Amino acid sequence: MESPAAMRLCTDLASARFLAGVADGVWKRIEGDTIVWPFAVFWVAAEARDKSPTGYHFKFDFTGYPLVPPTGTFWDPQSDGELAHGKRARGTGRVEKIFRVDWPDPNPGSALYYPYDRRGSGDHESWKREMPYWVWDEKHTIVDVLSVIHELLNSDEYKGVREAG
């Protein structure tokens, strides 16, 4: 039997919002033998930048979803591990802040520095007061997370990969 979290993710992936993003080439779920619950991998399109990919992969842990926000980071499907910091999206403003790899953490860059991310929000209780509109609750879905990532990767603040080549 599937867990309630897995069933909820399946429901969210069958939603019109998620399927519209798939149809528009904005994101897609990546299937694979090495991707097992509670993890899922998604590809999100990025605006064209010199020597940069057309999109990035993100791997999320959905333990406790949706009562608990997912946590995730850039993913390299070739190595089946976290994407090297130099190959990740870089930018200014929100892109720089959310995709940062230098925040105090036992494994810097292993989560998004953002209130929708379990690890980011867990380390920053003040975000609930400072950004109440970004506080995760069970009404949010993975589509909200993917929408923010897509917005960032298609904004003027996105500058491409950290290291060219």
N, C-alpha and C. Protein backbone atom coordinates (compact mmCIF):
# COMPACT_ATOMS: atom_id res chain seq x y z
N MET A 1 0.83 -1.18 0.00
CA MET A 1 0.00 0.00 0.00
C MET A 1 0.88 1.25 0.00
N GLU A 2 0.47 2.22 -0.78
CA GLU A 2 1.23 3.47 -0.83
C GLU A 2 0.97 4.30 0.41
N SER A 3 1.96 5.08 0.79
CA SER A 3 1.81 5.98 1.93
C SER A 3 0.89 7.14 1.55
N PRO A 4 0.29 7.80 2.55
CA PRO A 4 -0.52 8.99 2.25
C PRO A 4 0.29 10.06 1.50
N ALA A 5 1.56 10.19 1.85
CA ALA A 5 2.41 11.19 1.17
C ALA A 5 2.57 10.84 -0.31
N ALA A 6 2.81 9.57 -0.60
CA ALA A 6 2.98 9.14 -2.00
C ALA A 6 1.68 9.32 -2.78
N MET A 7 0.56 9.01 -2.14
CA MET A 7 -0.74 9.17 -2.81
C MET A 7 -1.01 10.65 -3.09
N ARG A 8 -0.66 11.51 -2.15
CA ARG A 8 -0.89 12.95 -2.35
C ARG A 8 0.00 13.47 -3.48
N LEU A 9 1.26 13.03 -3.53
CA LEU A 9 2.13 13.47 -4.62
C LEU A 9 1.56 13.01 -5.95
N CYS A 10 1.08 11.78 -6.04
CA CYS A 10 0.48 11.28 -7.29
C CYS A 10 -0.71 12.14 -7.69
N THR A 11 -1.53 12.52 -6.73
CA THR A 11 -2.67 13.40 -7.00
C THR A 11 -2.19 14.74 -7.54
N ASP A 12 -1.16 15.30 -6.91
CA ASP A 12 -0.64 16.60 -7.34
C ASP A 12 -0.02 16.53 -8.74
N LEU A 13 0.60 15.39 -9.06
CA LEU A 13 1.21 15.22 -10.39
C LEU A 13 0.16 14.98 -11.46
N ALA A 14 -1.06 14.64 -11.08
CA ALA A 14 -2.16 14.47 -12.02
C ALA A 14 -3.00 15.74 -12.14
N SER A 15 -2.63 16.78 -11.39
CA SER A 15 -3.41 18.02 -11.39
C SER A 15 -3.25 18.77 -12.71
N ALA A 16 -4.25 19.58 -13.01
CA ALA A 16 -4.21 20.38 -14.23
C ALA A 16 -3.00 21.32 -14.24
N ARG A 17 -2.66 21.88 -13.08
CA ARG A 17 -1.51 22.80 -13.01
C ARG A 17 -0.21 22.10 -13.37
N PHE A 18 0.01 20.90 -12.82
CA PHE A 18 1.25 20.18 -13.13
C PHE A 18 1.25 19.76 -14.60
N LEU A 19 0.15 19.19 -15.08
CA LEU A 19 0.08 18.71 -16.46
C LEU A 19 0.19 19.84 -17.47
N ALA A 20 -0.31 21.02 -17.13
CA ALA A 20 -0.15 22.18 -18.03
C ALA A 20 1.33 22.54 -18.15
N GLY A 21 2.07 22.48 -17.04
CA GLY A 21 3.51 22.76 -17.09
C GLY A 21 4.24 21.73 -17.93
N VAL A 22 3.84 20.47 -17.83
CA VAL A 22 4.45 19.42 -18.65
C VAL A 22 4.16 19.70 -20.12
N ALA A 23 2.89 19.98 -20.45
CA ALA A 23 2.49 20.24 -21.83
C ALA A 23 3.21 21.45 -22.43
N ASP A 24 3.48 22.44 -21.58
CA ASP A 24 4.16 23.66 -22.04
C ASP A 24 5.68 23.53 -22.05
N GLY A 25 6.21 22.38 -21.63
CA GLY A 25 7.66 22.18 -21.61
C GLY A 25 8.35 22.92 -20.48
N VAL A 26 7.59 23.26 -19.44
CA VAL A 26 8.12 24.02 -18.31
C VAL A 26 8.83 23.10 -17.32
N TRP A 27 8.28 21.91 -17.10
CA TRP A 27 8.87 20.92 -16.20
C TRP A 27 8.37 19.54 -16.57
N LYS A 28 9.02 18.54 -16.01
CA LYS A 28 8.55 17.17 -16.15
C LYS A 28 9.16 16.34 -15.02
N ARG A 29 8.47 15.26 -14.71
CA ARG A 29 9.00 14.32 -13.72
C ARG A 29 9.91 13.33 -14.45
N ILE A 30 11.02 13.01 -13.83
CA ILE A 30 11.97 12.05 -14.39
C ILE A 30 11.80 10.73 -13.66
N GLU A 31 11.59 9.67 -14.40
CA GLU A 31 11.45 8.34 -13.83
C GLU A 31 12.78 7.61 -13.97
N GLY A 32 13.05 6.67 -13.09
CA GLY A 32 14.27 5.89 -13.18
C GLY A 32 14.34 4.84 -12.09
N ASP A 33 15.08 3.79 -12.34
CA ASP A 33 15.20 2.70 -11.38
C ASP A 33 15.87 3.12 -10.08
N THR A 34 16.73 4.13 -10.14
CA THR A 34 17.45 4.55 -8.94
C THR A 34 16.67 5.57 -8.11
N ILE A 35 15.52 6.00 -8.61
CA ILE A 35 14.70 7.00 -7.91
C ILE A 35 13.57 6.26 -7.19
N VAL A 36 13.70 6.13 -5.89
CA VAL A 36 12.69 5.40 -5.12
C VAL A 36 12.10 6.31 -4.05
N TRP A 37 10.84 6.05 -3.73
CA TRP A 37 10.13 6.83 -2.72
C TRP A 37 10.90 6.82 -1.41
N PRO A 38 11.05 7.94 -0.73
CA PRO A 38 10.26 9.17 -0.84
C PRO A 38 10.89 10.23 -1.74
N PHE A 39 11.74 9.82 -2.67
CA PHE A 39 12.40 10.78 -3.56
C PHE A 39 11.72 10.84 -4.92
N ALA A 40 11.81 12.00 -5.55
CA ALA A 40 11.36 12.20 -6.93
C ALA A 40 12.27 13.23 -7.57
N VAL A 41 12.49 13.09 -8.87
CA VAL A 41 13.35 14.00 -9.62
C VAL A 41 12.52 14.70 -10.69
N PHE A 42 12.77 15.98 -10.84
CA PHE A 42 12.07 16.80 -11.83
C PHE A 42 13.09 17.57 -12.64
N TRP A 43 12.74 17.85 -13.89
CA TRP A 43 13.52 18.73 -14.75
C TRP A 43 12.71 20.00 -14.89
N VAL A 44 13.39 21.17 -14.79
CA VAL A 44 12.72 22.47 -14.91
C VAL A 44 13.45 23.28 -15.98
N ALA A 45 12.70 23.82 -16.92
CA ALA A 45 13.27 24.59 -18.03
C ALA A 45 13.90 25.89 -17.55
N ALA A 46 14.98 26.28 -18.22
CA ALA A 46 15.67 27.54 -17.91
C ALA A 46 15.79 28.34 -19.20
N GLU A 47 15.73 29.65 -19.05
CA GLU A 47 15.91 30.53 -20.20
C GLU A 47 17.32 30.39 -20.74
N ALA A 48 17.45 30.51 -22.04
CA ALA A 48 18.75 30.34 -22.70
C ALA A 48 19.77 31.34 -22.18
N ARG A 49 20.91 30.81 -21.81
CA ARG A 49 22.07 31.60 -21.40
C ARG A 49 23.30 30.96 -22.03
N ASP A 50 24.30 31.77 -22.32
CA ASP A 50 25.52 31.28 -22.96
C ASP A 50 26.14 30.14 -22.16
N LYS A 51 26.44 29.04 -22.84
CA LYS A 51 27.11 27.87 -22.26
C LYS A 51 26.39 27.30 -21.05
N SER A 52 25.06 27.39 -21.06
CA SER A 52 24.24 26.90 -19.95
C SER A 52 23.20 25.92 -20.48
N PRO A 53 22.74 25.02 -19.63
CA PRO A 53 21.73 24.05 -20.07
C PRO A 53 20.37 24.70 -20.30
N THR A 54 19.51 23.97 -20.99
CA THR A 54 18.14 24.44 -21.23
C THR A 54 17.24 24.17 -20.03
N GLY A 55 17.79 23.50 -19.03
CA GLY A 55 17.04 23.22 -17.82
C GLY A 55 17.91 22.50 -16.81
N TYR A 56 17.39 22.36 -15.61
CA TYR A 56 18.12 21.72 -14.52
C TYR A 56 17.26 20.64 -13.88
N HIS A 57 17.90 19.64 -13.35
CA HIS A 57 17.23 18.58 -12.60
C HIS A 57 17.28 18.92 -11.11
N PHE A 58 16.21 18.55 -10.41
CA PHE A 58 16.13 18.74 -8.96
C PHE A 58 15.61 17.45 -8.36
N LYS A 59 16.24 17.01 -7.28
CA LYS A 59 15.77 15.83 -6.57
C LYS A 59 15.19 16.28 -5.24
N PHE A 60 13.99 15.80 -4.93
CA PHE A 60 13.28 16.18 -3.72
C PHE A 60 12.99 14.95 -2.85
N ASP A 61 13.03 15.18 -1.55
CA ASP A 61 12.62 14.20 -0.56
C ASP A 61 11.22 14.61 -0.09
N PHE A 62 10.25 13.71 -0.26
CA PHE A 62 8.86 14.01 0.05
C PHE A 62 8.38 13.37 1.36
N THR A 63 9.28 13.04 2.25
CA THR A 63 8.89 12.47 3.54
C THR A 63 7.92 13.42 4.24
N GLY A 64 6.74 12.90 4.61
CA GLY A 64 5.76 13.69 5.34
C GLY A 64 4.91 14.63 4.49
N TYR A 65 5.10 14.62 3.20
CA TYR A 65 4.38 15.50 2.27
C TYR A 65 2.88 15.23 2.33
N PRO A 66 2.02 16.22 2.29
CA PRO A 66 2.26 17.65 2.18
C PRO A 66 2.28 18.38 3.52
N LEU A 67 2.08 17.62 4.62
CA LEU A 67 2.11 18.28 5.93
C LEU A 67 3.48 18.86 6.22
N VAL A 68 4.51 18.24 5.67
CA VAL A 68 5.89 18.70 5.80
C VAL A 68 6.37 19.08 4.41
N PRO A 69 6.99 20.24 4.25
CA PRO A 69 7.45 20.61 2.91
C PRO A 69 8.54 19.67 2.41
N PRO A 70 8.61 19.51 1.09
CA PRO A 70 9.71 18.71 0.55
C PRO A 70 11.02 19.45 0.73
N THR A 71 12.11 18.75 0.57
CA THR A 71 13.42 19.38 0.55
C THR A 71 14.16 18.84 -0.66
N GLY A 72 14.92 19.70 -1.32
CA GLY A 72 15.60 19.24 -2.52
C GLY A 72 16.69 20.18 -2.97
N THR A 73 17.39 19.72 -4.00
CA THR A 73 18.49 20.50 -4.54
C THR A 73 18.75 20.10 -5.99
N PHE A 74 19.70 20.77 -6.60
CA PHE A 74 20.12 20.45 -7.96
C PHE A 74 20.62 19.01 -8.02
N TRP A 75 20.32 18.31 -9.11
CA TRP A 75 20.66 16.91 -9.24
C TRP A 75 21.33 16.63 -10.58
N ASP A 76 22.29 15.74 -10.55
CA ASP A 76 22.99 15.31 -11.77
C ASP A 76 22.54 13.89 -12.09
N PRO A 77 21.68 13.70 -13.10
CA PRO A 77 21.19 12.35 -13.39
C PRO A 77 22.28 11.42 -13.91
N GLN A 78 23.35 11.96 -14.51
CA GLN A 78 24.43 11.11 -15.00
C GLN A 78 25.19 10.44 -13.85
N SER A 79 25.48 11.21 -12.81
CA SER A 79 26.23 10.65 -11.68
C SER A 79 25.31 10.14 -10.58
N ASP A 80 24.00 10.43 -10.71
CA ASP A 80 23.01 10.09 -9.70
C ASP A 80 23.41 10.65 -8.34
N GLY A 81 23.84 11.92 -8.37
CA GLY A 81 24.24 12.62 -7.15
C GLY A 81 23.98 14.11 -7.30
N GLU A 82 24.25 14.84 -6.25
CA GLU A 82 24.06 16.29 -6.31
C GLU A 82 24.89 16.88 -7.43
N LEU A 83 24.33 17.86 -8.11
CA LEU A 83 25.03 18.55 -9.18
C LEU A 83 26.17 19.36 -8.57
N ALA A 84 27.34 19.28 -9.19
CA ALA A 84 28.50 20.05 -8.72
C ALA A 84 28.14 21.52 -8.63
N HIS A 85 28.62 22.18 -7.62
CA HIS A 85 28.29 23.59 -7.39
C HIS A 85 28.60 24.44 -8.62
N GLY A 86 29.69 24.16 -9.31
CA GLY A 86 30.06 24.95 -10.48
C GLY A 86 29.14 24.79 -11.67
N LYS A 87 28.29 23.77 -11.66
CA LYS A 87 27.36 23.52 -12.77
C LYS A 87 25.94 23.98 -12.45
N ARG A 88 25.78 24.59 -11.30
CA ARG A 88 24.45 25.04 -10.88
C ARG A 88 24.15 26.44 -11.40
N ALA A 89 22.87 26.76 -11.35
CA ALA A 89 22.43 28.10 -11.77
C ALA A 89 23.03 29.15 -10.85
N ARG A 90 23.40 30.25 -11.45
CA ARG A 90 23.90 31.38 -10.68
C ARG A 90 23.10 32.60 -11.08
N GLY A 91 23.25 33.66 -10.32
CA GLY A 91 22.52 34.87 -10.66
C GLY A 91 22.66 35.93 -9.60
N THR A 92 21.72 36.84 -9.64
CA THR A 92 21.67 37.95 -8.69
C THR A 92 20.33 37.88 -7.97
N GLY A 93 20.15 38.72 -6.98
CA GLY A 93 18.86 38.84 -6.29
C GLY A 93 18.39 37.52 -5.73
N ARG A 94 17.13 37.18 -6.02
CA ARG A 94 16.52 35.96 -5.48
C ARG A 94 17.23 34.70 -5.98
N VAL A 95 17.68 34.70 -7.22
CA VAL A 95 18.39 33.53 -7.76
C VAL A 95 19.63 33.26 -6.91
N GLU A 96 20.40 34.30 -6.65
CA GLU A 96 21.61 34.15 -5.84
C GLU A 96 21.29 33.64 -4.44
N LYS A 97 20.22 34.17 -3.85
CA LYS A 97 19.87 33.79 -2.48
C LYS A 97 19.34 32.37 -2.39
N ILE A 98 18.42 32.00 -3.24
CA ILE A 98 17.74 30.72 -3.13
C ILE A 98 18.64 29.57 -3.57
N PHE A 99 19.48 29.80 -4.58
CA PHE A 99 20.36 28.74 -5.08
C PHE A 99 21.75 28.80 -4.47
N ARG A 100 21.90 29.50 -3.38
CA ARG A 100 23.21 29.66 -2.76
C ARG A 100 23.76 28.33 -2.26
N VAL A 101 25.07 28.24 -2.24
CA VAL A 101 25.73 27.00 -1.79
C VAL A 101 26.64 27.26 -0.59
N ASP A 102 26.51 28.44 0.00
CA ASP A 102 27.43 28.81 1.08
C ASP A 102 26.75 28.97 2.44
N TRP A 103 25.50 28.57 2.57
CA TRP A 103 24.84 28.77 3.86
C TRP A 103 25.29 27.71 4.85
N PRO A 104 25.31 28.08 6.14
CA PRO A 104 25.79 27.15 7.17
C PRO A 104 24.92 25.90 7.21
N ASP A 105 25.50 24.80 6.90
CA ASP A 105 24.80 23.54 6.84
C ASP A 105 25.86 22.45 6.82
N PRO A 106 25.58 21.29 7.38
CA PRO A 106 26.58 20.22 7.31
C PRO A 106 26.97 19.86 5.88
N ASN A 107 26.04 20.08 4.94
CA ASN A 107 26.30 19.80 3.53
C ASN A 107 25.81 20.99 2.71
N PRO A 108 26.58 22.09 2.64
CA PRO A 108 26.14 23.30 1.96
C PRO A 108 25.67 23.03 0.53
N GLY A 109 24.55 23.63 0.17
CA GLY A 109 24.01 23.48 -1.17
C GLY A 109 23.15 22.25 -1.35
N SER A 110 22.92 21.50 -0.27
CA SER A 110 22.13 20.28 -0.39
C SER A 110 20.63 20.53 -0.24
N ALA A 111 20.24 21.78 -0.13
CA ALA A 111 18.83 22.17 -0.06
C ALA A 111 18.70 23.57 -0.64
N LEU A 112 17.49 23.94 -0.98
CA LEU A 112 17.23 25.29 -1.47
C LEU A 112 17.06 26.21 -0.27
N TYR A 113 17.62 27.38 -0.36
CA TYR A 113 17.57 28.36 0.73
C TYR A 113 16.29 29.16 0.56
N TYR A 114 15.16 28.53 0.98
CA TYR A 114 13.86 29.09 0.65
C TYR A 114 12.80 28.58 1.62
N PRO A 115 11.80 29.40 1.95
CA PRO A 115 10.79 28.97 2.91
C PRO A 115 9.97 27.74 2.49
N TYR A 116 9.90 27.43 1.19
CA TYR A 116 9.18 26.24 0.76
C TYR A 116 10.02 24.97 0.93
N ASP A 117 11.29 25.10 1.27
CA ASP A 117 12.15 23.93 1.45
C ASP A 117 12.20 23.57 2.94
N ARG A 118 12.01 22.29 3.24
CA ARG A 118 11.99 21.82 4.63
C ARG A 118 13.23 22.22 5.40
N ARG A 119 14.40 22.04 4.81
CA ARG A 119 15.64 22.33 5.52
C ARG A 119 15.86 23.83 5.63
N GLY A 120 15.57 24.56 4.57
CA GLY A 120 15.72 26.01 4.63
C GLY A 120 14.81 26.63 5.66
N SER A 121 13.54 26.24 5.63
CA SER A 121 12.59 26.81 6.58
C SER A 121 12.83 26.31 8.00
N GLY A 122 13.29 25.07 8.12
CA GLY A 122 13.55 24.51 9.45
C GLY A 122 14.66 25.23 10.18
N ASP A 123 15.60 25.77 9.42
CA ASP A 123 16.73 26.48 10.02
C ASP A 123 16.43 27.96 10.27
N HIS A 124 15.29 28.44 9.81
CA HIS A 124 14.98 29.87 9.88
C HIS A 124 13.54 30.10 10.36
N GLU A 125 13.31 29.93 11.62
CA GLU A 125 11.98 30.15 12.19
C GLU A 125 11.49 31.59 11.92
N SER A 126 12.41 32.53 11.82
CA SER A 126 12.02 33.93 11.59
C SER A 126 11.35 34.12 10.25
N TRP A 127 11.59 33.23 9.29
CA TRP A 127 10.96 33.38 7.97
C TRP A 127 9.44 33.34 8.07
N LYS A 128 8.91 32.62 9.04
CA LYS A 128 7.46 32.53 9.20
C LYS A 128 6.86 33.89 9.53
N ARG A 129 7.61 34.69 10.27
CA ARG A 129 7.15 36.05 10.60
C ARG A 129 7.46 37.01 9.47
N GLU A 130 8.65 36.88 8.89
CA GLU A 130 9.10 37.82 7.87
C GLU A 130 8.44 37.62 6.51
N MET A 131 8.10 36.36 6.19
CA MET A 131 7.52 36.05 4.89
C MET A 131 6.32 35.12 5.05
N PRO A 132 5.27 35.58 5.74
CA PRO A 132 4.14 34.69 6.00
C PRO A 132 3.47 34.16 4.73
N TYR A 133 3.57 34.89 3.64
CA TYR A 133 2.97 34.45 2.37
C TYR A 133 3.70 33.27 1.76
N TRP A 134 4.91 32.94 2.22
CA TRP A 134 5.67 31.81 1.71
C TRP A 134 5.69 30.65 2.69
N VAL A 135 4.92 30.73 3.76
CA VAL A 135 4.91 29.66 4.75
C VAL A 135 4.21 28.44 4.15
N TRP A 136 4.87 27.30 4.23
CA TRP A 136 4.32 26.06 3.69
C TRP A 136 3.19 25.56 4.58
N ASP A 137 2.12 25.09 3.95
CA ASP A 137 1.07 24.36 4.65
C ASP A 137 0.58 23.27 3.71
N GLU A 138 -0.34 22.44 4.20
CA GLU A 138 -0.77 21.28 3.41
C GLU A 138 -1.54 21.66 2.14
N LYS A 139 -1.87 22.93 1.96
CA LYS A 139 -2.53 23.37 0.73
C LYS A 139 -1.52 23.57 -0.41
N HIS A 140 -0.25 23.69 -0.06
CA HIS A 140 0.77 23.85 -1.09
C HIS A 140 1.09 22.50 -1.72
N THR A 141 1.64 22.55 -2.92
CA THR A 141 1.99 21.33 -3.63
C THR A 141 3.37 21.48 -4.26
N ILE A 142 3.87 20.40 -4.81
CA ILE A 142 5.13 20.45 -5.53
C ILE A 142 5.05 21.44 -6.70
N VAL A 143 3.87 21.66 -7.21
CA VAL A 143 3.72 22.62 -8.32
C VAL A 143 4.10 24.02 -7.86
N ASP A 144 3.80 24.37 -6.62
CA ASP A 144 4.21 25.68 -6.09
C ASP A 144 5.73 25.79 -6.07
N VAL A 145 6.39 24.72 -5.65
CA VAL A 145 7.86 24.72 -5.59
C VAL A 145 8.44 24.82 -7.00
N LEU A 146 7.93 23.99 -7.91
CA LEU A 146 8.44 24.01 -9.29
C LEU A 146 8.16 25.35 -9.96
N SER A 147 7.04 25.97 -9.65
CA SER A 147 6.71 27.28 -10.23
C SER A 147 7.72 28.34 -9.81
N VAL A 148 8.11 28.33 -8.54
CA VAL A 148 9.11 29.29 -8.07
C VAL A 148 10.46 29.03 -8.75
N ILE A 149 10.85 27.77 -8.83
CA ILE A 149 12.12 27.44 -9.49
C ILE A 149 12.09 27.89 -10.94
N HIS A 150 10.99 27.59 -11.63
CA HIS A 150 10.88 27.99 -13.04
C HIS A 150 10.93 29.52 -13.18
N GLU A 151 10.23 30.21 -12.32
CA GLU A 151 10.26 31.67 -12.35
C GLU A 151 11.69 32.19 -12.21
N LEU A 152 12.43 31.63 -11.27
CA LEU A 152 13.81 32.08 -11.04
C LEU A 152 14.70 31.79 -12.25
N LEU A 153 14.55 30.60 -12.83
CA LEU A 153 15.41 30.19 -13.96
C LEU A 153 15.03 30.89 -15.26
N ASN A 154 13.96 31.66 -15.23
CA ASN A 154 13.52 32.38 -16.42
C ASN A 154 13.38 33.87 -16.15
N SER A 155 14.09 34.33 -15.13
CA SER A 155 14.06 35.75 -14.77
C SER A 155 15.33 36.44 -15.25
N ASP A 156 15.31 37.75 -15.21
CA ASP A 156 16.50 38.53 -15.56
C ASP A 156 17.62 38.31 -14.54
N GLU A 157 17.29 37.83 -13.35
CA GLU A 157 18.29 37.58 -12.32
C GLU A 157 19.10 36.30 -12.58
N TYR A 158 18.60 35.42 -13.44
CA TYR A 158 19.31 34.18 -13.78
C TYR A 158 20.40 34.50 -14.80
N LYS A 159 21.64 34.09 -14.49
CA LYS A 159 22.79 34.42 -15.34
C LYS A 159 23.42 33.20 -16.00
N GLY A 160 22.89 32.00 -15.78
CA GLY A 160 23.48 30.80 -16.37
C GLY A 160 24.20 29.98 -15.32
N VAL A 161 25.10 29.11 -15.77
CA VAL A 161 25.83 28.25 -14.82
C VAL A 161 26.92 29.04 -14.11
N ARG A 162 27.32 28.54 -12.97
CA ARG A 162 28.36 29.20 -12.18
C ARG A 162 29.68 29.22 -12.92
N GLU A 163 30.02 28.09 -13.57
CA GLU A 163 31.28 27.98 -14.33
C GLU A 163 30.94 27.61 -15.76
N ALA A 164 31.40 28.36 -16.72
CA ALA A 164 31.18 28.04 -18.12
C ALA A 164 31.95 26.78 -18.48
N GLY A 165 31.35 25.99 -19.39
CA GLY A 165 32.04 24.80 -19.90
C GLY A 165 31.72 23.67 -19.11
